[in-house]
Every structure is written in C-alpha cells, then in structure tokens.
Amino acid sequence: MHTTAHRLKSTAMAVTAGLLLLAGASTLIPWTQASEANVIGYRSLCSFAPFSTLICLMGANVLLTLRKRLTQVPEE
C-alpha cells in the first residue's frame, strides 16, 4: 500500500527528473554571448556541453530508475 509520503516522494523525484531533463536540453541552446565555444564547436548556453548535458541526463535517469524501484508493487 502506498502512503501519502510515498506518493509525495515519487512526485518529487519525477519533478526533479523533469527539471534535470529540461536543464540538460537547455545546455545545448545556441547563445552568441557565451565566453567560448563548447566541445561541439559552437557557442551555447553552457560552455561544458555536451558533458553537462550527459551529467543532467544521467541524473534524471538515476532518479527515474529509483522512483520506478520504489513504487513497484511487491509480488506475493
């Protein structure tokens, strides 16, 4: 049985993972005011792209995996 605390934790994990996905995608947005070009070769919102993108996506993946494991119904 899922309690309110479990649902709140699940929702918090999902929201945080969504924010990490959004942050990861936003690191690749082109930005002409950037101080230097990233590894891909263009000036983007984050100079550490695509590494920062991968870090954000891995964090979201970890959160969603934990959320899935914590919300699984135990088999009897």
Protein backbone atom coordinates (compact mmCIF):
# COMPACT_ATOMS: atom_id res chain seq x y z
CA MET A 1 0.00 0.00 0.00
CA HIS A 2 1.36 3.42 -0.99
CA THR A 3 1.10 6.08 1.64
CA THR A 4 0.93 9.81 1.11
CA ALA A 5 4.64 10.07 1.91
CA HIS A 6 5.46 7.55 -0.83
CA ARG A 7 3.36 9.47 -3.35
CA LEU A 8 4.99 12.74 -2.33
CA LYS A 9 8.47 11.25 -2.73
CA SER A 10 7.51 9.78 -6.09
CA THR A 11 6.16 13.11 -7.30
CA ALA A 12 9.24 14.96 -6.04
CA MET A 13 11.51 12.53 -7.87
CA ALA A 14 9.52 12.88 -11.08
CA VAL A 15 9.54 16.69 -10.91
CA THR A 16 13.28 16.79 -10.17
CA ALA A 17 13.98 14.40 -13.04
CA GLY A 18 11.89 16.57 -15.34
CA LEU A 19 13.84 19.65 -14.29
CA LEU A 20 17.11 17.82 -14.94
CA LEU A 21 15.90 16.84 -18.41
CA LEU A 22 14.97 20.44 -19.11
CA ALA A 23 18.33 21.68 -17.80
CA GLY A 24 20.17 19.11 -19.92
CA ALA A 25 18.35 20.18 -23.05
CA SER A 26 18.89 23.86 -22.32
CA THR A 27 22.67 23.47 -22.14
CA LEU A 28 22.71 22.90 -25.89
CA ILE A 29 20.82 26.10 -26.80
CA PRO A 30 23.00 28.36 -29.00
CA TRP A 31 23.99 31.63 -27.33
CA THR A 32 26.16 34.24 -29.02
CA GLN A 33 27.15 35.93 -25.71
CA ALA A 34 28.93 32.80 -24.46
CA SER A 35 32.55 33.34 -23.45
CA GLU A 36 33.88 30.44 -25.53
CA ALA A 37 32.76 27.65 -27.82
CA ASN A 38 31.90 24.24 -26.41
CA VAL A 39 33.44 20.92 -27.44
CA ILE A 40 30.95 20.50 -30.28
CA GLY A 41 32.24 23.74 -31.80
CA TYR A 42 29.57 26.37 -31.31
CA ARG A 43 28.77 28.88 -28.57
CA SER A 44 26.00 27.53 -26.39
CA LEU A 45 24.31 28.42 -23.12
CA CYS A 46 26.77 26.13 -21.33
CA SER A 47 30.41 26.01 -22.39
CA PHE A 48 30.74 22.50 -20.96
CA ALA A 49 28.18 20.97 -23.34
CA PRO A 50 27.80 18.08 -24.22
CA PHE A 51 29.33 16.87 -20.93
CA SER A 52 26.93 18.91 -18.81
CA THR A 53 24.06 17.57 -20.90
CA LEU A 54 25.13 13.99 -20.23
CA ILE A 55 25.51 14.66 -16.50
CA CYS A 56 21.97 16.08 -16.30
CA LEU A 57 20.53 13.20 -18.33
CA MET A 58 22.31 10.61 -16.17
CA GLY A 59 20.96 12.27 -13.02
CA ALA A 60 17.43 12.17 -14.41
CA ASN A 61 17.90 8.53 -15.36
CA VAL A 62 19.06 7.63 -11.84
CA LEU A 63 16.08 9.42 -10.27
CA LEU A 64 13.56 7.80 -12.58
CA THR A 65 15.11 4.35 -12.01
CA LEU A 66 14.96 4.82 -8.23
CA ARG A 67 11.39 6.07 -8.50
CA LYS A 68 10.41 3.01 -10.51
CA ARG A 69 12.00 0.65 -7.99
CA LEU A 70 10.46 2.40 -5.01
CA THR A 71 6.95 2.44 -6.47
CA GLN A 72 6.85 -1.16 -7.67
CA VAL A 73 4.21 -3.30 -6.05
CA PRO A 74 5.87 -6.28 -4.34
CA GLU A 75 4.83 -9.60 -5.83
CA GLU A 76 3.33 -12.12 -3.44
